[in-house]
């Protein structure tokens, strides 16, 4: 058992010597760094430096630079897009407030028109009742005349409705 630990320390010394020899020239390729760190990790996997070093050896500096540059460009694009969307939201909010005010005014106008029309129809109905009381014969004759004209006007309005529907259907297609 002691001979195994002796050979293990001998392997560690060999790996350290190889690492020192590799570092002596100052420049190591990424493959050389990976091999060195694998040897160190295999020799002593408990060392946190070896684990960290193995992760660092996997990093390709030029690729890292390209990734950083592309992320910076994307960040700038997103910031510009965010700025444009913020401006759009501000303009939309202003337009919404303006149109909401106009909509309320139009809604009030329509409510006033509805009330006015209800008042007009009430007055017309009152005039009809007064006319019926004051002139029952004439009122009955006029109602009969209107009754005879009602089917004609109803047929005309149905014809107009059918032609409008056909026109709208053709326009939609």
C-alpha atoms as a PDB file:
ATOM      1  CA  UNK A   1       0.000   0.000   0.000  1.00  0.00           C
ATOM      2  CA  UNK A   2       2.874   2.310   0.721  1.00  0.00           C
ATOM      3  CA  UNK A   3       4.327   1.553  -2.666  1.00  0.00           C
ATOM      4  CA  UNK A   4       1.121   2.793  -4.344  1.00  0.00           C
ATOM      5  CA  UNK A   5       1.246   6.072  -2.501  1.00  0.00           C
ATOM      6  CA  UNK A   6       4.914   6.373  -3.423  1.00  0.00           C
ATOM      7  CA  UNK A   7       4.172   5.864  -7.097  1.00  0.00           C
ATOM      8  CA  UNK A   8       1.266   8.298  -6.840  1.00  0.00           C
ATOM      9  CA  UNK A   9       3.519  10.991  -5.444  1.00  0.00           C
ATOM     10  CA  UNK A  10       6.057  10.090  -8.117  1.00  0.00           C
ATOM     11  CA  UNK A  11       3.338  10.636 -10.800  1.00  0.00           C
ATOM     12  CA  UNK A  12       2.479  13.959  -9.181  1.00  0.00           C
ATOM     13  CA  UNK A  13       6.093  15.012  -9.298  1.00  0.00           C
ATOM     14  CA  UNK A  14       6.302  13.938 -12.928  1.00  0.00           C
ATOM     15  CA  UNK A  15       3.170  15.932 -13.780  1.00  0.00           C
ATOM     16  CA  UNK A  16       4.494  18.979 -11.938  1.00  0.00           C
ATOM     17  CA  UNK A  17       7.805  18.685 -13.764  1.00  0.00           C
ATOM     18  CA  UNK A  18       5.987  18.379 -17.082  1.00  0.00           C
ATOM     19  CA  UNK A  19       3.894  21.415 -16.215  1.00  0.00           C
ATOM     20  CA  UNK A  20       6.986  23.400 -15.327  1.00  0.00           C
ATOM     21  CA  UNK A  21       8.623  22.343 -18.583  1.00  0.00           C
ATOM     22  CA  UNK A  22       5.518  23.344 -20.542  1.00  0.00           C
ATOM     23  CA  UNK A  23       5.370  26.736 -18.812  1.00  0.00           C
ATOM     24  CA  UNK A  24       9.044  27.360 -19.415  1.00  0.00           C
ATOM     25  CA  UNK A  25       8.488  28.443 -23.019  1.00  0.00           C
ATOM     26  CA  UNK A  26       5.727  30.871 -21.891  1.00  0.00           C
ATOM     27  CA  UNK A  27       3.187  29.899 -24.542  1.00  0.00           C
ATOM     28  CA  UNK A  28       1.049  26.798 -24.386  1.00  0.00           C
ATOM     29  CA  UNK A  29      -1.568  25.802 -26.827  1.00  0.00           C
ATOM     30  CA  UNK A  30      -5.053  25.176 -25.451  1.00  0.00           C
ATOM     31  CA  UNK A  31      -4.582  21.467 -26.104  1.00  0.00           C
ATOM     32  CA  UNK A  32      -1.354  21.454 -24.085  1.00  0.00           C
ATOM     33  CA  UNK A  33      -3.056  23.311 -21.233  1.00  0.00           C
ATOM     34  CA  UNK A  34      -5.919  20.825 -21.244  1.00  0.00           C
ATOM     35  CA  UNK A  35      -3.542  17.883 -21.164  1.00  0.00           C
ATOM     36  CA  UNK A  36      -1.557  19.440 -18.342  1.00  0.00           C
ATOM     37  CA  UNK A  37      -4.644  20.125 -16.266  1.00  0.00           C
ATOM     38  CA  UNK A  38      -6.025  16.655 -16.921  1.00  0.00           C
ATOM     39  CA  UNK A  39      -2.792  15.199 -15.612  1.00  0.00           C
ATOM     40  CA  UNK A  40      -2.943  17.444 -12.554  1.00  0.00           C
ATOM     41  CA  UNK A  41      -6.576  16.578 -11.947  1.00  0.00           C
ATOM     42  CA  UNK A  42      -5.932  12.870 -12.354  1.00  0.00           C
ATOM     43  CA  UNK A  43      -2.976  13.067  -9.983  1.00  0.00           C
ATOM     44  CA  UNK A  44      -4.786  15.054  -7.307  1.00  0.00           C
ATOM     45  CA  UNK A  45      -8.490  15.519  -8.000  1.00  0.00           C
ATOM     46  CA  UNK A  46      -8.991  17.132  -4.586  1.00  0.00           C
ATOM     47  CA  UNK A  47      -7.142  20.309  -5.538  1.00  0.00           C
ATOM     48  CA  UNK A  48      -9.627  23.077  -6.356  1.00  0.00           C
ATOM     49  CA  UNK A  49      -7.009  24.864  -8.431  1.00  0.00           C
ATOM     50  CA  UNK A  50      -6.770  21.864 -10.713  1.00  0.00           C
ATOM     51  CA  UNK A  51     -10.517  21.807 -11.247  1.00  0.00           C
ATOM     52  CA  UNK A  52     -10.671  25.549 -11.843  1.00  0.00           C
ATOM     53  CA  UNK A  53      -7.705  25.311 -14.140  1.00  0.00           C
ATOM     54  CA  UNK A  54      -9.360  22.559 -16.152  1.00  0.00           C
ATOM     55  CA  UNK A  55     -12.393  24.783 -16.674  1.00  0.00           C
ATOM     56  CA  UNK A  56     -10.205  27.715 -17.640  1.00  0.00           C
ATOM     57  CA  UNK A  57      -8.296  25.599 -20.126  1.00  0.00           C
ATOM     58  CA  UNK A  58     -11.535  24.872 -21.969  1.00  0.00           C
ATOM     59  CA  UNK A  59     -12.022  28.568 -22.696  1.00  0.00           C
ATOM     60  CA  UNK A  60     -10.916  29.691 -26.103  1.00  0.00           C
ATOM     61  CA  UNK A  61      -9.919  33.377 -25.778  1.00  0.00           C
ATOM     62  CA  UNK A  62     -10.766  34.426 -29.369  1.00  0.00           C
ATOM     63  CA  UNK A  63     -14.173  32.753 -29.130  1.00  0.00           C
ATOM     64  CA  UNK A  64     -14.746  34.432 -25.784  1.00  0.00           C
ATOM     65  CA  UNK A  65     -13.928  37.799 -27.347  1.00  0.00           C
ATOM     66  CA  UNK A  66     -16.346  37.143 -30.230  1.00  0.00           C
ATOM     67  CA  UNK A  67     -19.074  36.182 -27.752  1.00  0.00           C
ATOM     68  CA  UNK A  68     -18.450  39.322 -25.689  1.00  0.00           C
ATOM     69  CA  UNK A  69     -18.566  41.559 -28.772  1.00  0.00           C
ATOM     70  CA  UNK A  70     -21.777  39.945 -30.043  1.00  0.00           C
ATOM     71  CA  UNK A  71     -23.402  40.268 -26.614  1.00  0.00           C
ATOM     72  CA  UNK A  72     -22.421  43.941 -26.482  1.00  0.00           C
ATOM     73  CA  UNK A  73     -23.949  44.507 -29.931  1.00  0.00           C
ATOM     74  CA  UNK A  74     -27.133  42.698 -28.918  1.00  0.00           C
ATOM     75  CA  UNK A  75     -27.322  44.754 -25.719  1.00  0.00           C
ATOM     76  CA  UNK A  76     -27.047  47.966 -27.755  1.00  0.00           C
ATOM     77  CA  UNK A  77     -29.784  46.757 -30.126  1.00  0.00           C
ATOM     78  CA  UNK A  78     -32.035  45.822 -27.230  1.00  0.00           C
ATOM     79  CA  UNK A  79     -31.443  49.198 -25.582  1.00  0.00           C
ATOM     80  CA  UNK A  80     -32.338  50.980 -28.840  1.00  0.00           C
ATOM     81  CA  UNK A  81     -35.420  48.804 -29.268  1.00  0.00           C
ATOM     82  CA  UNK A  82     -36.398  49.443 -25.663  1.00  0.00           C
ATOM     83  CA  UNK A  83     -35.984  53.191 -26.190  1.00  0.00           C
ATOM     84  CA  UNK A  84     -38.109  53.100 -29.346  1.00  0.00           C
ATOM     85  CA  UNK A  85     -40.798  51.039 -27.615  1.00  0.00           C
ATOM     86  CA  UNK A  86     -40.802  53.444 -24.660  1.00  0.00           C
ATOM     87  CA  UNK A  87     -41.307  56.368 -27.048  1.00  0.00           C
ATOM     88  CA  UNK A  88     -44.059  54.455 -28.837  1.00  0.00           C
ATOM     89  CA  UNK A  89     -45.773  53.729 -25.511  1.00  0.00           C
ATOM     90  CA  UNK A  90     -45.621  57.399 -24.529  1.00  0.00           C
ATOM     91  CA  UNK A  91     -47.085  58.487 -27.865  1.00  0.00           C
ATOM     92  CA  UNK A  92     -49.743  55.774 -27.667  1.00  0.00           C
ATOM     93  CA  UNK A  93     -50.690  56.824 -24.155  1.00  0.00           C
ATOM     94  CA  UNK A  94     -51.063  60.461 -25.243  1.00  0.00           C
ATOM     95  CA  UNK A  95     -53.172  59.468 -28.244  1.00  0.00           C
ATOM     96  CA  UNK A  96     -55.262  57.136 -26.067  1.00  0.00           C
ATOM     97  CA  UNK A  97     -55.982  59.951 -23.604  1.00  0.00           C
ATOM     98  CA  UNK A  98     -56.925  62.279 -26.449  1.00  0.00           C
ATOM     99  CA  UNK A  99     -59.224  59.718 -28.077  1.00  0.00           C
ATOM    100  CA  UNK A 100     -60.746  58.759 -24.725  1.00  0.00           C
ATOM    101  CA  UNK A 101     -61.769  62.383 -24.201  1.00  0.00           C
ATOM    102  CA  UNK A 102     -63.228  62.585 -27.703  1.00  0.00           C
ATOM    103  CA  UNK A 103     -65.030  59.269 -27.182  1.00  0.00           C
ATOM    104  CA  UNK A 104     -66.618  60.549 -23.950  1.00  0.00           C
ATOM    105  CA  UNK A 105     -67.772  63.680 -25.761  1.00  0.00           C
ATOM    106  CA  UNK A 106     -69.280  61.635 -28.594  1.00  0.00           C
ATOM    107  CA  UNK A 107     -70.924  59.311 -26.095  1.00  0.00           C
ATOM    108  CA  UNK A 108     -72.473  62.297 -24.290  1.00  0.00           C
ATOM    109  CA  UNK A 109     -73.679  63.669 -27.633  1.00  0.00           C
ATOM    110  CA  UNK A 110     -75.304  60.337 -28.493  1.00  0.00           C
ATOM    111  CA  UNK A 111     -76.960  60.166 -25.070  1.00  0.00           C
ATOM    112  CA  UNK A 112     -78.333  63.685 -25.573  1.00  0.00           C
ATOM    113  CA  UNK A 113     -79.606  62.754 -29.052  1.00  0.00           C
ATOM    114  CA  UNK A 114     -81.297  59.635 -27.670  1.00  0.00           C
ATOM    115  CA  UNK A 115     -83.010  61.694 -24.957  1.00  0.00           C
ATOM    116  CA  UNK A 116     -84.066  64.288 -27.529  1.00  0.00           C
ATOM    117  CA  UNK A 117     -85.493  61.582 -29.820  1.00  0.00           C
ATOM    118  CA  UNK A 118     -87.385  60.009 -26.916  1.00  0.00           C
ATOM    119  CA  UNK A 119     -88.838  63.419 -26.132  1.00  0.00           C
ATOM    120  CA  UNK A 120     -89.825  63.937 -29.799  1.00  0.00           C
ATOM    121  CA  UNK A 121     -91.542  60.523 -29.945  1.00  0.00           C
ATOM    122  CA  UNK A 122     -93.385  61.249 -26.680  1.00  0.00           C
ATOM    123  CA  UNK A 123     -94.615  64.526 -28.145  1.00  0.00           C
ATOM    124  CA  UNK A 124     -95.667  62.801 -31.384  1.00  0.00           C
ATOM    125  CA  UNK A 125     -97.589  60.187 -29.376  1.00  0.00           C
ATOM    126  CA  UNK A 126     -99.239  62.966 -27.333  1.00  0.00           C
ATOM    127  CA  UNK A 127    -100.252  64.752 -30.553  1.00  0.00           C
ATOM    128  CA  UNK A 128    -101.663  61.458 -31.896  1.00  0.00           C
ATOM    129  CA  UNK A 129    -103.740  60.975 -28.732  1.00  0.00           C
ATOM    130  CA  UNK A 130    -104.991  64.555 -28.823  1.00  0.00           C
ATOM    131  CA  UNK A 131    -105.858  64.226 -32.522  1.00  0.00           C
ATOM    132  CA  UNK A 132    -107.636  60.915 -31.897  1.00  0.00           C
ATOM    133  CA  UNK A 133    -109.744  62.511 -29.127  1.00  0.00           C
ATOM    134  CA  UNK A 134    -110.495  65.689 -31.039  1.00  0.00           C
ATOM    135  CA  UNK A 135    -111.081  64.153 -34.497  1.00  0.00           C
ATOM    136  CA  UNK A 136    -111.833  60.435 -34.152  1.00  0.00           C
ATOM    137  CA  UNK A 137    -113.227  59.969 -37.697  1.00  0.00           C
ATOM    138  CA  UNK A 138    -110.364  61.709 -39.430  1.00  0.00           C
ATOM    139  CA  UNK A 139    -107.843  59.927 -37.237  1.00  0.00           C
ATOM    140  CA  UNK A 140    -109.344  56.513 -38.034  1.00  0.00           C
ATOM    141  CA  UNK A 141    -109.255  57.320 -41.771  1.00  0.00           C
ATOM    142  CA  UNK A 142    -105.621  58.398 -41.606  1.00  0.00           C
ATOM    143  CA  UNK A 143    -104.677  55.273 -39.630  1.00  0.00           C
ATOM    144  CA  UNK A 144    -106.430  53.123 -42.246  1.00  0.00           C
ATOM    145  CA  UNK A 145    -104.553  54.930 -45.023  1.00  0.00           C
ATOM    146  CA  UNK A 146    -101.261  54.481 -43.224  1.00  0.00           C
ATOM    147  CA  UNK A 147    -102.167  50.824 -42.612  1.00  0.00           C
ATOM    148  CA  UNK A 148    -102.680  50.335 -46.342  1.00  0.00           C
ATOM    149  CA  UNK A 149     -99.353  52.011 -47.081  1.00  0.00           C
ATOM    150  CA  UNK A 150     -97.508  50.046 -44.413  1.00  0.00           C
ATOM    151  CA  UNK A 151     -97.187  46.818 -46.458  1.00  0.00           C
ATOM    152  CA  UNK A 152     -95.896  48.848 -49.408  1.00  0.00           C
ATOM    153  CA  UNK A 153     -93.344  50.697 -47.296  1.00  0.00           C
ATOM    154  CA  UNK A 154     -92.384  47.449 -45.563  1.00  0.00           C
ATOM    155  CA  UNK A 155     -91.827  45.734 -48.921  1.00  0.00           C
ATOM    156  CA  UNK A 156     -89.768  48.708 -50.107  1.00  0.00           C
ATOM    157  CA  UNK A 157     -87.640  48.664 -46.958  1.00  0.00           C
ATOM    158  CA  UNK A 158     -87.120  44.887 -47.281  1.00  0.00           C
ATOM    159  CA  UNK A 159     -86.056  45.418 -50.908  1.00  0.00           C
ATOM    160  CA  UNK A 160     -83.625  48.146 -49.812  1.00  0.00           C
ATOM    161  CA  UNK A 161     -82.294  45.907 -47.044  1.00  0.00           C
ATOM    162  CA  UNK A 162     -81.784  42.996 -49.450  1.00  0.00           C
ATOM    163  CA  UNK A 163     -79.986  45.159 -52.005  1.00  0.00           C
ATOM    164  CA  UNK A 164     -77.767  46.695 -49.291  1.00  0.00           C
ATOM    165  CA  UNK A 165     -76.907  43.241 -47.959  1.00  0.00           C
ATOM    166  CA  UNK A 166     -76.056  42.002 -51.456  1.00  0.00           C
ATOM    167  CA  UNK A 167     -73.927  45.079 -52.108  1.00  0.00           C
ATOM    168  CA  UNK A 168     -72.093  44.679 -48.795  1.00  0.00           C
ATOM    169  CA  UNK A 169     -71.556  40.961 -49.422  1.00  0.00           C
ATOM    170  CA  UNK A 170     -70.133  41.669 -52.889  1.00  0.00           C
ATOM    171  CA  UNK A 171     -67.907  44.436 -51.516  1.00  0.00           C
ATOM    172  CA  UNK A 172     -66.500  42.138 -48.826  1.00  0.00           C
ATOM    173  CA  UNK A 173     -65.580  39.510 -51.388  1.00  0.00           C
END
